[in-house]
Amino acid sequence: TSLQAKRKYGFVEGKITKPTTLEKLEDWTAVHSMLVAWLLNTIEPSLRSTLSYYDDAQSLWTHLKQRFCVVNGTRICQLKTSLGECKQGKNEEVSVYFGRLSRIWDELVTYVKKPTCKCEGCTCDINKQVTDLRNEDYLHHFLIGLDGNYATIRSNLLSQDPLPNIDQAYQRVVHDERLLRGESLNAVNRDNVMAFRVTSDARGKSKFVDNSDTFCDHCNREGHDKSTCFQIHGFPEWWGDRPRGGRGSGRGRATQGR
């Protein structure tokens, strides 16, 4: 198809022959040499090394077709199998999945021949019928291969009458993909905020111990015992009216104890 698009297919078919006039020979030689190099560069290096030397585009093209071309029926079977197995992967973007599917579909279309019209004057509009059937088949393959997250949009599209074309369906699915990704991102953000709050609350809360029934027989005060009495163990830095010596000197110093 690339050769046909660039109007160079005649060289490999042998229809554009080598000119006899010197004026046209130079241009023909330049294009011909470019085609030979292009054909060789499209072959993998490991296979290229097994080829004989060719300096003629038509001879090289014929050799490549005989050696590497697969019979159409076999290739069609391979492509249809690949088409049925082409599914959207987990977390794969719709555009990437659609690109893989399109490459298989485009090659398949080149192998499948269109039926020809047999009525006089072509009143059946067979070209439109074939195009519509192919588009419907393409749409079904695309929707069936979508991930399960798109089950709703798939059902909605398939229930429409008439069915949307492949481009319309693709746009709808991509729009739905953006909504799903936005909801997923918002859910992750909410979870992160809640986790941060729980962690912050857990760090900010100090453990409360009820010591109202505890009594210290050293300083004769309630709320603690000897094991935590400041008069015995020393006053902490944050204790505002602690004695200068840092410790109490007896059980009578209750006003300075805790």
C-alpha atoms as a PDB file:
ATOM      1  CA  THR A   1       0.000   0.000   0.000  1.00  0.00           C
ATOM      2  CA  SER A   2       2.896   2.379   0.689  1.00  0.00           C
ATOM      3  CA  LEU A   3       4.256   1.725  -2.792  1.00  0.00           C
ATOM      4  CA  GLN A   4       0.841   2.350  -4.313  1.00  0.00           C
ATOM      5  CA  ALA A   5       0.372   5.556  -2.329  1.00  0.00           C
ATOM      6  CA  LYS A   6       3.703   6.872  -3.601  1.00  0.00           C
ATOM      7  CA  ARG A   7       2.992   5.655  -7.139  1.00  0.00           C
ATOM      8  CA  LYS A   8       6.012   3.367  -7.134  1.00  0.00           C
ATOM      9  CA  TYR A   9       4.257   0.015  -7.378  1.00  0.00           C
ATOM     10  CA  GLY A  10       4.842  -0.029 -11.129  1.00  0.00           C
ATOM     11  CA  PHE A  11       8.575  -0.481 -10.522  1.00  0.00           C
ATOM     12  CA  VAL A  12       8.179  -3.751  -8.595  1.00  0.00           C
ATOM     13  CA  GLU A  13       5.462  -4.976 -10.993  1.00  0.00           C
ATOM     14  CA  GLY A  14       7.718  -4.324 -13.971  1.00  0.00           C
ATOM     15  CA  LYS A  15       5.290  -1.888 -15.583  1.00  0.00           C
ATOM     16  CA  ILE A  16       7.665   1.059 -15.252  1.00  0.00           C
ATOM     17  CA  THR A  17      10.543  -0.177 -17.368  1.00  0.00           C
ATOM     18  CA  LYS A  18      14.014   1.219 -17.685  1.00  0.00           C
ATOM     19  CA  PRO A  19      13.931   4.168 -20.125  1.00  0.00           C
ATOM     20  CA  THR A  20      16.139   4.254 -23.164  1.00  0.00           C
ATOM     21  CA  THR A  21      16.669   8.012 -23.284  1.00  0.00           C
ATOM     22  CA  LEU A  22      19.481   9.477 -21.223  1.00  0.00           C
ATOM     23  CA  GLU A  23      17.303  12.323 -19.924  1.00  0.00           C
ATOM     24  CA  LYS A  24      14.852  10.014 -18.138  1.00  0.00           C
ATOM     25  CA  LEU A  25      17.383   7.335 -17.215  1.00  0.00           C
ATOM     26  CA  GLU A  26      18.951   9.334 -14.392  1.00  0.00           C
ATOM     27  CA  ASP A  27      15.628   9.923 -12.601  1.00  0.00           C
ATOM     28  CA  TRP A  28      14.548   6.303 -13.110  1.00  0.00           C
ATOM     29  CA  THR A  29      17.843   4.983 -11.711  1.00  0.00           C
ATOM     30  CA  ALA A  30      17.581   7.197  -8.615  1.00  0.00           C
ATOM     31  CA  VAL A  31      14.027   6.057  -7.828  1.00  0.00           C
ATOM     32  CA  HIS A  32      14.816   2.431  -8.623  1.00  0.00           C
ATOM     33  CA  SER A  33      17.876   2.377  -6.329  1.00  0.00           C
ATOM     34  CA  MET A  34      15.845   3.999  -3.566  1.00  0.00           C
ATOM     35  CA  LEU A  35      13.175   1.278  -3.853  1.00  0.00           C
ATOM     36  CA  VAL A  36      15.737  -1.525  -3.632  1.00  0.00           C
ATOM     37  CA  ALA A  37      17.242   0.042  -0.503  1.00  0.00           C
ATOM     38  CA  TRP A  38      13.785   0.634   1.001  1.00  0.00           C
ATOM     39  CA  LEU A  39      12.708  -2.973   0.430  1.00  0.00           C
ATOM     40  CA  LEU A  40      15.890  -4.313   2.016  1.00  0.00           C
ATOM     41  CA  ASN A  41      15.596  -1.989   5.022  1.00  0.00           C
ATOM     42  CA  THR A  42      12.076  -3.225   5.780  1.00  0.00           C
ATOM     43  CA  ILE A  43      13.436  -6.736   6.363  1.00  0.00           C
ATOM     44  CA  GLU A  44      14.797  -7.746   9.754  1.00  0.00           C
ATOM     45  CA  PRO A  45      18.624  -7.894   9.776  1.00  0.00           C
ATOM     46  CA  SER A  46      18.623 -11.594  10.712  1.00  0.00           C
ATOM     47  CA  LEU A  47      16.547 -12.396   7.604  1.00  0.00           C
ATOM     48  CA  ARG A  48      18.257  -9.864   5.370  1.00  0.00           C
ATOM     49  CA  SER A  49      21.572 -11.685   5.737  1.00  0.00           C
ATOM     50  CA  THR A  50      20.023 -14.841   4.230  1.00  0.00           C
ATOM     51  CA  LEU A  51      18.948 -13.115   1.012  1.00  0.00           C
ATOM     52  CA  SER A  52      20.908 -13.192  -2.191  1.00  0.00           C
ATOM     53  CA  TYR A  53      22.110  -9.900  -3.627  1.00  0.00           C
ATOM     54  CA  TYR A  54      19.547  -8.137  -5.790  1.00  0.00           C
ATOM     55  CA  ASP A  55      19.955  -4.822  -7.565  1.00  0.00           C
ATOM     56  CA  ASP A  56      16.666  -5.048  -9.439  1.00  0.00           C
ATOM     57  CA  ALA A  57      13.482  -4.005  -7.602  1.00  0.00           C
ATOM     58  CA  GLN A  58      11.173  -6.331  -9.541  1.00  0.00           C
ATOM     59  CA  SER A  59      13.383  -9.396  -9.015  1.00  0.00           C
ATOM     60  CA  LEU A  60      13.776  -8.616  -5.313  1.00  0.00           C
ATOM     61  CA  TRP A  61      10.030  -8.096  -4.876  1.00  0.00           C
ATOM     62  CA  THR A  62       9.192 -11.375  -6.627  1.00  0.00           C
ATOM     63  CA  HIS A  63      11.715 -13.257  -4.492  1.00  0.00           C
ATOM     64  CA  LEU A  64      10.311 -11.775  -1.270  1.00  0.00           C
ATOM     65  CA  LYS A  65       6.732 -12.671  -2.205  1.00  0.00           C
ATOM     66  CA  GLN A  66       7.643 -16.248  -3.030  1.00  0.00           C
ATOM     67  CA  ARG A  67       9.647 -16.697   0.144  1.00  0.00           C
ATOM     68  CA  PHE A  68       7.701 -14.851   2.816  1.00  0.00           C
ATOM     69  CA  CYS A  69       4.131 -14.268   1.672  1.00  0.00           C
ATOM     70  CA  VAL A  70       1.544 -16.361   3.509  1.00  0.00           C
ATOM     71  CA  VAL A  71      -1.407 -17.761   1.597  1.00  0.00           C
ATOM     72  CA  ASN A  72      -4.344 -15.364   1.914  1.00  0.00           C
ATOM     73  CA  GLY A  73      -6.672 -17.930   3.485  1.00  0.00           C
ATOM     74  CA  THR A  74      -4.127 -18.787   6.181  1.00  0.00           C
ATOM     75  CA  ARG A  75      -3.411 -15.155   6.941  1.00  0.00           C
ATOM     76  CA  ILE A  76      -7.120 -14.315   7.146  1.00  0.00           C
ATOM     77  CA  CYS A  77      -7.568 -17.119   9.669  1.00  0.00           C
ATOM     78  CA  GLN A  78      -4.632 -15.806  11.725  1.00  0.00           C
ATOM     79  CA  LEU A  79      -5.988 -12.258  11.706  1.00  0.00           C
ATOM     80  CA  LYS A  80      -9.500 -13.317  12.698  1.00  0.00           C
ATOM     81  CA  THR A  81      -8.047 -15.295  15.595  1.00  0.00           C
ATOM     82  CA  SER A  82      -6.007 -12.277  16.693  1.00  0.00           C
ATOM     83  CA  LEU A  83      -9.077 -10.087  16.364  1.00  0.00           C
ATOM     84  CA  GLY A  84     -11.095 -12.354  18.652  1.00  0.00           C
ATOM     85  CA  GLU A  85      -8.275 -12.461  21.215  1.00  0.00           C
ATOM     86  CA  CYS A  86      -7.682  -8.699  21.206  1.00  0.00           C
ATOM     87  CA  LYS A  87      -8.944  -7.463  24.583  1.00  0.00           C
ATOM     88  CA  GLN A  88      -8.328  -4.323  26.594  1.00  0.00           C
ATOM     89  CA  GLY A  89      -5.737  -5.039  29.272  1.00  0.00           C
ATOM     90  CA  LYS A  90      -6.133  -4.082  32.907  1.00  0.00           C
ATOM     91  CA  ASN A  91      -5.394  -0.358  33.342  1.00  0.00           C
ATOM     92  CA  GLU A  92      -4.749  -0.090  29.575  1.00  0.00           C
ATOM     93  CA  GLU A  93      -5.981   3.156  28.028  1.00  0.00           C
ATOM     94  CA  VAL A  94      -8.811   2.887  25.519  1.00  0.00           C
ATOM     95  CA  SER A  95      -6.727   4.622  22.839  1.00  0.00           C
ATOM     96  CA  VAL A  96      -3.947   2.021  23.145  1.00  0.00           C
ATOM     97  CA  TYR A  97      -6.393  -0.882  22.969  1.00  0.00           C
ATOM     98  CA  PHE A  98      -8.188   0.705  20.004  1.00  0.00           C
ATOM     99  CA  GLY A  99      -4.862   1.155  18.197  1.00  0.00           C
ATOM    100  CA  ARG A 100      -3.996  -2.532  18.564  1.00  0.00           C
ATOM    101  CA  LEU A 101      -7.433  -3.543  17.327  1.00  0.00           C
ATOM    102  CA  SER A 102      -7.292  -1.148  14.365  1.00  0.00           C
ATOM    103  CA  ARG A 103      -3.973  -2.512  13.110  1.00  0.00           C
ATOM    104  CA  ILE A 104      -5.390  -6.035  12.984  1.00  0.00           C
ATOM    105  CA  TRP A 105      -8.631  -4.853  11.390  1.00  0.00           C
ATOM    106  CA  ASP A 106      -6.941  -2.740   8.712  1.00  0.00           C
ATOM    107  CA  GLU A 107      -4.772  -5.654   7.604  1.00  0.00           C
ATOM    108  CA  LEU A 108      -7.736  -8.022   7.572  1.00  0.00           C
ATOM    109  CA  VAL A 109      -9.716  -5.688   5.314  1.00  0.00           C
ATOM    110  CA  THR A 110      -6.924  -5.742   2.717  1.00  0.00           C
ATOM    111  CA  TYR A 111      -7.207  -9.535   2.423  1.00  0.00           C
ATOM    112  CA  VAL A 112     -10.993  -9.887   2.351  1.00  0.00           C
ATOM    113  CA  LYS A 113     -12.377  -9.190  -1.098  1.00  0.00           C
ATOM    114  CA  LYS A 114     -15.525  -7.154  -1.513  1.00  0.00           C
ATOM    115  CA  PRO A 115     -18.412  -8.865  -3.295  1.00  0.00           C
ATOM    116  CA  THR A 116     -19.186  -7.444  -6.706  1.00  0.00           C
ATOM    117  CA  CYS A 117     -22.541  -6.267  -7.922  1.00  0.00           C
ATOM    118  CA  LYS A 118     -24.264  -8.559 -10.437  1.00  0.00           C
ATOM    119  CA  CYS A 119     -27.325  -6.472 -11.178  1.00  0.00           C
ATOM    120  CA  GLU A 120     -27.488  -4.146 -14.149  1.00  0.00           C
ATOM    121  CA  GLY A 121     -26.929  -0.520 -13.279  1.00  0.00           C
ATOM    122  CA  CYS A 122     -26.121  -1.471  -9.659  1.00  0.00           C
ATOM    123  CA  THR A 123     -29.447  -0.725  -8.016  1.00  0.00           C
ATOM    124  CA  CYS A 124     -28.518  -2.678  -4.877  1.00  0.00           C
ATOM    125  CA  ASP A 125     -25.868  -0.181  -3.692  1.00  0.00           C
ATOM    126  CA  ILE A 126     -23.653  -3.087  -2.696  1.00  0.00           C
ATOM    127  CA  ASN A 127     -20.696  -0.916  -1.694  1.00  0.00           C
ATOM    128  CA  LYS A 128     -22.751   0.796   1.010  1.00  0.00           C
ATOM    129  CA  GLN A 129     -24.087  -2.535   2.238  1.00  0.00           C
ATOM    130  CA  VAL A 130     -20.601  -3.995   2.560  1.00  0.00           C
ATOM    131  CA  THR A 131     -19.293  -0.876   4.292  1.00  0.00           C
ATOM    132  CA  ASP A 132     -22.174  -0.879   6.782  1.00  0.00           C
ATOM    133  CA  LEU A 133     -21.681  -4.573   7.583  1.00  0.00           C
ATOM    134  CA  ARG A 134     -17.955  -4.099   8.111  1.00  0.00           C
ATOM    135  CA  ASN A 135     -18.467  -1.093  10.358  1.00  0.00           C
ATOM    136  CA  GLU A 136     -20.995  -3.012  12.436  1.00  0.00           C
ATOM    137  CA  ASP A 137     -18.590  -5.936  12.751  1.00  0.00           C
ATOM    138  CA  TYR A 138     -15.777  -3.555  13.716  1.00  0.00           C
ATOM    139  CA  LEU A 139     -18.002  -1.922  16.343  1.00  0.00           C
ATOM    140  CA  HIS A 140     -18.894  -5.287  17.886  1.00  0.00           C
ATOM    141  CA  HIS A 141     -15.247  -6.349  18.141  1.00  0.00           C
ATOM    142  CA  PHE A 142     -14.331  -3.027  19.769  1.00  0.00           C
ATOM    143  CA  LEU A 143     -17.105  -3.113  22.362  1.00  0.00           C
ATOM    144  CA  ILE A 144     -16.748  -6.816  23.185  1.00  0.00           C
ATOM    145  CA  GLY A 145     -13.039  -6.408  23.895  1.00  0.00           C
ATOM    146  CA  LEU A 146     -13.509  -3.559  26.384  1.00  0.00           C
ATOM    147  CA  ASP A 147     -12.712  -4.049  30.057  1.00  0.00           C
ATOM    148  CA  GLY A 148     -15.570  -4.930  32.421  1.00  0.00           C
ATOM    149  CA  ASN A 149     -15.581  -1.373  33.800  1.00  0.00           C
ATOM    150  CA  TYR A 150     -17.245  -0.281  30.546  1.00  0.00           C
ATOM    151  CA  ALA A 151     -20.127  -2.773  30.702  1.00  0.00           C
ATOM    152  CA  THR A 152     -22.725  -0.013  31.139  1.00  0.00           C
ATOM    153  CA  ILE A 153     -21.599   2.140  28.224  1.00  0.00           C
ATOM    154  CA  ARG A 154     -21.239  -0.997  26.088  1.00  0.00           C
ATOM    155  CA  SER A 155     -24.855  -2.001  26.762  1.00  0.00           C
ATOM    156  CA  ASN A 156     -26.067   1.530  26.059  1.00  0.00           C
ATOM    157  CA  LEU A 157     -24.283   1.686  22.705  1.00  0.00           C
ATOM    158  CA  LEU A 158     -25.438  -1.756  21.575  1.00  0.00           C
ATOM    159  CA  SER A 159     -29.056  -0.952  22.464  1.00  0.00           C
ATOM    160  CA  GLN A 160     -29.172   2.046  20.116  1.00  0.00           C
ATOM    161  CA  ASP A 161     -31.068   1.757  16.846  1.00  0.00           C
ATOM    162  CA  PRO A 162     -29.455   2.485  14.492  1.00  0.00           C
ATOM    163  CA  LEU A 163     -26.090   1.543  15.948  1.00  0.00           C
ATOM    164  CA  PRO A 164     -23.502   4.322  16.201  1.00  0.00           C
ATOM    165  CA  ASN A 165     -20.514   4.171  13.884  1.00  0.00           C
ATOM    166  CA  ILE A 166     -17.114   3.195  15.240  1.00  0.00           C
ATOM    167  CA  ASP A 167     -15.915   6.794  15.595  1.00  0.00           C
ATOM    168  CA  GLN A 168     -18.954   7.832  17.627  1.00  0.00           C
ATOM    169  CA  ALA A 169     -18.642   4.777  19.870  1.00  0.00           C
ATOM    170  CA  TYR A 170     -14.945   5.447  20.419  1.00  0.00           C
ATOM    171  CA  GLN A 171     -15.631   9.034  21.499  1.00  0.00           C
ATOM    172  CA  ARG A 172     -18.337   7.912  23.942  1.00  0.00           C
ATOM    173  CA  VAL A 173     -16.088   5.279  25.503  1.00  0.00           C
ATOM    174  CA  VAL A 174     -13.160   7.699  25.845  1.00  0.00           C
ATOM    175  CA  HIS A 175     -15.478  10.198  27.536  1.00  0.00           C
ATOM    176  CA  ASP A 176     -16.624   7.471  29.926  1.00  0.00           C
ATOM    177  CA  GLU A 177     -12.991   6.545  30.571  1.00  0.00           C
ATOM    178  CA  ARG A 178     -12.219  10.098  31.688  1.00  0.00           C
ATOM    179  CA  LEU A 179     -15.160  10.053  34.089  1.00  0.00           C
ATOM    180  CA  LEU A 180     -14.065   6.703  35.547  1.00  0.00           C
ATOM    181  CA  ARG A 181     -10.496   7.892  36.001  1.00  0.00           C
ATOM    182  CA  GLY A 182     -11.734  11.069  37.682  1.00  0.00           C
ATOM    183  CA  GLU A 183     -13.905   9.117  40.124  1.00  0.00           C
ATOM    184  CA  SER A 184     -11.032   6.742  40.875  1.00  0.00           C
ATOM    185  CA  LEU A 185      -8.688   9.663  41.544  1.00  0.00           C
ATOM    186  CA  ASN A 186     -11.217  11.333  43.846  1.00  0.00           C
ATOM    187  CA  ALA A 187     -11.669   8.079  45.773  1.00  0.00           C
ATOM    188  CA  VAL A 188      -7.913   7.764  46.249  1.00  0.00           C
ATOM    189  CA  ASN A 189      -7.696  11.357  47.449  1.00  0.00           C
ATOM    190  CA  ARG A 190     -10.534  10.791  49.934  1.00  0.00           C
ATOM    191  CA  ASP A 191      -8.831   7.678  51.277  1.00  0.00           C
ATOM    192  CA  ASN A 192      -5.566   9.574  51.674  1.00  0.00           C
ATOM    193  CA  VAL A 193      -7.302  12.393  53.564  1.00  0.00           C
ATOM    194  CA  MET A 194      -9.059   9.966  55.901  1.00  0.00           C
ATOM    195  CA  ALA A 195      -5.831   8.076  56.541  1.00  0.00           C
ATOM    196  CA  PHE A 196      -4.075  11.358  57.342  1.00  0.00           C
ATOM    197  CA  ARG A 197      -6.827  12.365  59.770  1.00  0.00           C
ATOM    198  CA  VAL A 198      -6.789   9.029  61.559  1.00  0.00           C
ATOM    199  CA  THR A 199      -2.997   9.146  61.878  1.00  0.00           C
ATOM    200  CA  SER A 200      -3.044  12.747  63.080  1.00  0.00           C
ATOM    201  CA  ASP A 201      -5.766  12.033  65.644  1.00  0.00           C
ATOM    202  CA  ALA A 202      -3.888   9.010  66.902  1.00  0.00           C
ATOM    203  CA  ARG A 203      -0.708  11.044  67.319  1.00  0.00           C
ATOM    204  CA  GLY A 204      -2.428  14.021  68.895  1.00  0.00           C
ATOM    205  CA  LYS A 205      -4.293  12.123  71.596  1.00  0.00           C
ATOM    206  CA  SER A 206      -2.463  11.317  74.814  1.00  0.00           C
ATOM    207  CA  LYS A 207      -3.424   8.286  76.830  1.00  0.00           C
ATOM    208  CA  PHE A 208      -5.632   9.248  79.812  1.00  0.00           C
ATOM    209  CA  VAL A 209      -5.215   7.331  83.052  1.00  0.00           C
ATOM    210  CA  ASP A 210      -7.714   7.789  85.907  1.00  0.00           C
ATOM    211  CA  ASN A 211      -5.638   8.233  89.097  1.00  0.00           C
ATOM    212  CA  SER A 212      -8.401   9.716  91.254  1.00  0.00           C
ATOM    213  CA  ASP A 213      -8.334   6.741  93.648  1.00  0.00           C
ATOM    214  CA  THR A 214      -4.529   6.791  94.055  1.00  0.00           C
ATOM    215  CA  PHE A 215      -2.951   8.227  97.247  1.00  0.00           C
ATOM    216  CA  CYS A 216       0.692   9.031  98.031  1.00  0.00           C
ATOM    217  CA  ASP A 217       1.567   8.382 101.692  1.00  0.00           C
ATOM    218  CA  HIS A 218       4.807  10.379 101.276  1.00  0.00           C
ATOM    219  CA  CYS A 219       3.344  13.810 100.522  1.00  0.00           C
ATOM    220  CA  ASN A 220      -0.202  12.963 101.687  1.00  0.00           C
ATOM    221  CA  ARG A 221      -1.764  13.979  98.328  1.00  0.00           C
ATOM    222  CA  GLU A 222      -4.211  12.225  96.051  1.00  0.00           C
ATOM    223  CA  GLY A 223      -3.790  11.511  92.360  1.00  0.00           C
ATOM    224  CA  HIS A 224      -0.450   9.687  92.481  1.00  0.00           C
ATOM    225  CA  ASP A 225       1.626   7.273  94.552  1.00  0.00           C
ATOM    226  CA  LYS A 226       5.276   7.048  95.618  1.00  0.00           C
ATOM    227  CA  SER A 227       6.361   5.694  92.225  1.00  0.00           C
ATOM    228  CA  THR A 228       5.476   9.007  90.557  1.00  0.00           C
ATOM    229  CA  CYS A 229       5.847  11.470  93.415  1.00  0.00           C
ATOM    230  CA  PHE A 230       7.793  14.550  92.338  1.00  0.00           C
ATOM    231  CA  GLN A 231       9.085  15.149  95.893  1.00  0.00           C
ATOM    232  CA  ILE A 232      10.862  11.800  95.749  1.00  0.00           C
ATOM    233  CA  HIS A 233      11.901  11.621  92.103  1.00  0.00           C
ATOM    234  CA  GLY A 234      12.356  15.308  91.292  1.00  0.00           C
ATOM    235  CA  PHE A 235      10.217  17.964  89.648  1.00  0.00           C
ATOM    236  CA  PRO A 236      10.019  18.141  85.836  1.00  0.00           C
ATOM    237  CA  GLU A 237      11.079  21.261  83.964  1.00  0.00           C
ATOM    238  CA  TRP A 238       7.502  22.203  83.098  1.00  0.00           C
ATOM    239  CA  TRP A 239       6.399  22.251  86.784  1.00  0.00           C
ATOM    240  CA  GLY A 240       5.975  25.979  87.463  1.00  0.00           C
ATOM    241  CA  ASP A 241       6.393  26.214  91.249  1.00  0.00           C
ATOM    242  CA  ARG A 242       9.035  23.533  91.696  1.00  0.00           C
ATOM    243  CA  PRO A 243      11.544  24.102  94.567  1.00  0.00           C
ATOM    244  CA  ARG A 244      14.992  25.376  93.655  1.00  0.00           C
ATOM    245  CA  GLY A 245      16.642  22.193  94.869  1.00  0.00           C
ATOM    246  CA  GLY A 246      14.500  20.146  92.533  1.00  0.00           C
ATOM    247  CA  ARG A 247      13.328  17.701  95.291  1.00  0.00           C
ATOM    248  CA  GLY A 248      11.092  17.849  98.312  1.00  0.00           C
ATOM    249  CA  SER A 249      12.548  17.244 101.772  1.00  0.00           C
ATOM    250  CA  GLY A 250       9.751  15.532 103.674  1.00  0.00           C
ATOM    251  CA  ARG A 251       6.141  14.611 103.946  1.00  0.00           C
ATOM    252  CA  GLY A 252       5.242  17.929 105.471  1.00  0.00           C
ATOM    253  CA  ARG A 253       6.063  19.815 102.303  1.00  0.00           C
ATOM    254  CA  ALA A 254       2.715  18.996 100.726  1.00  0.00           C
ATOM    255  CA  THR A 255       2.266  22.394  99.120  1.00  0.00           C
ATOM    256  CA  GLN A 256       5.357  21.853  97.065  1.00  0.00           C
ATOM    257  CA  GLY A 257       4.544  18.264  96.086  1.00  0.00           C
ATOM    258  CA  ARG A 258       2.163  17.080  93.457  1.00  0.00           C
END
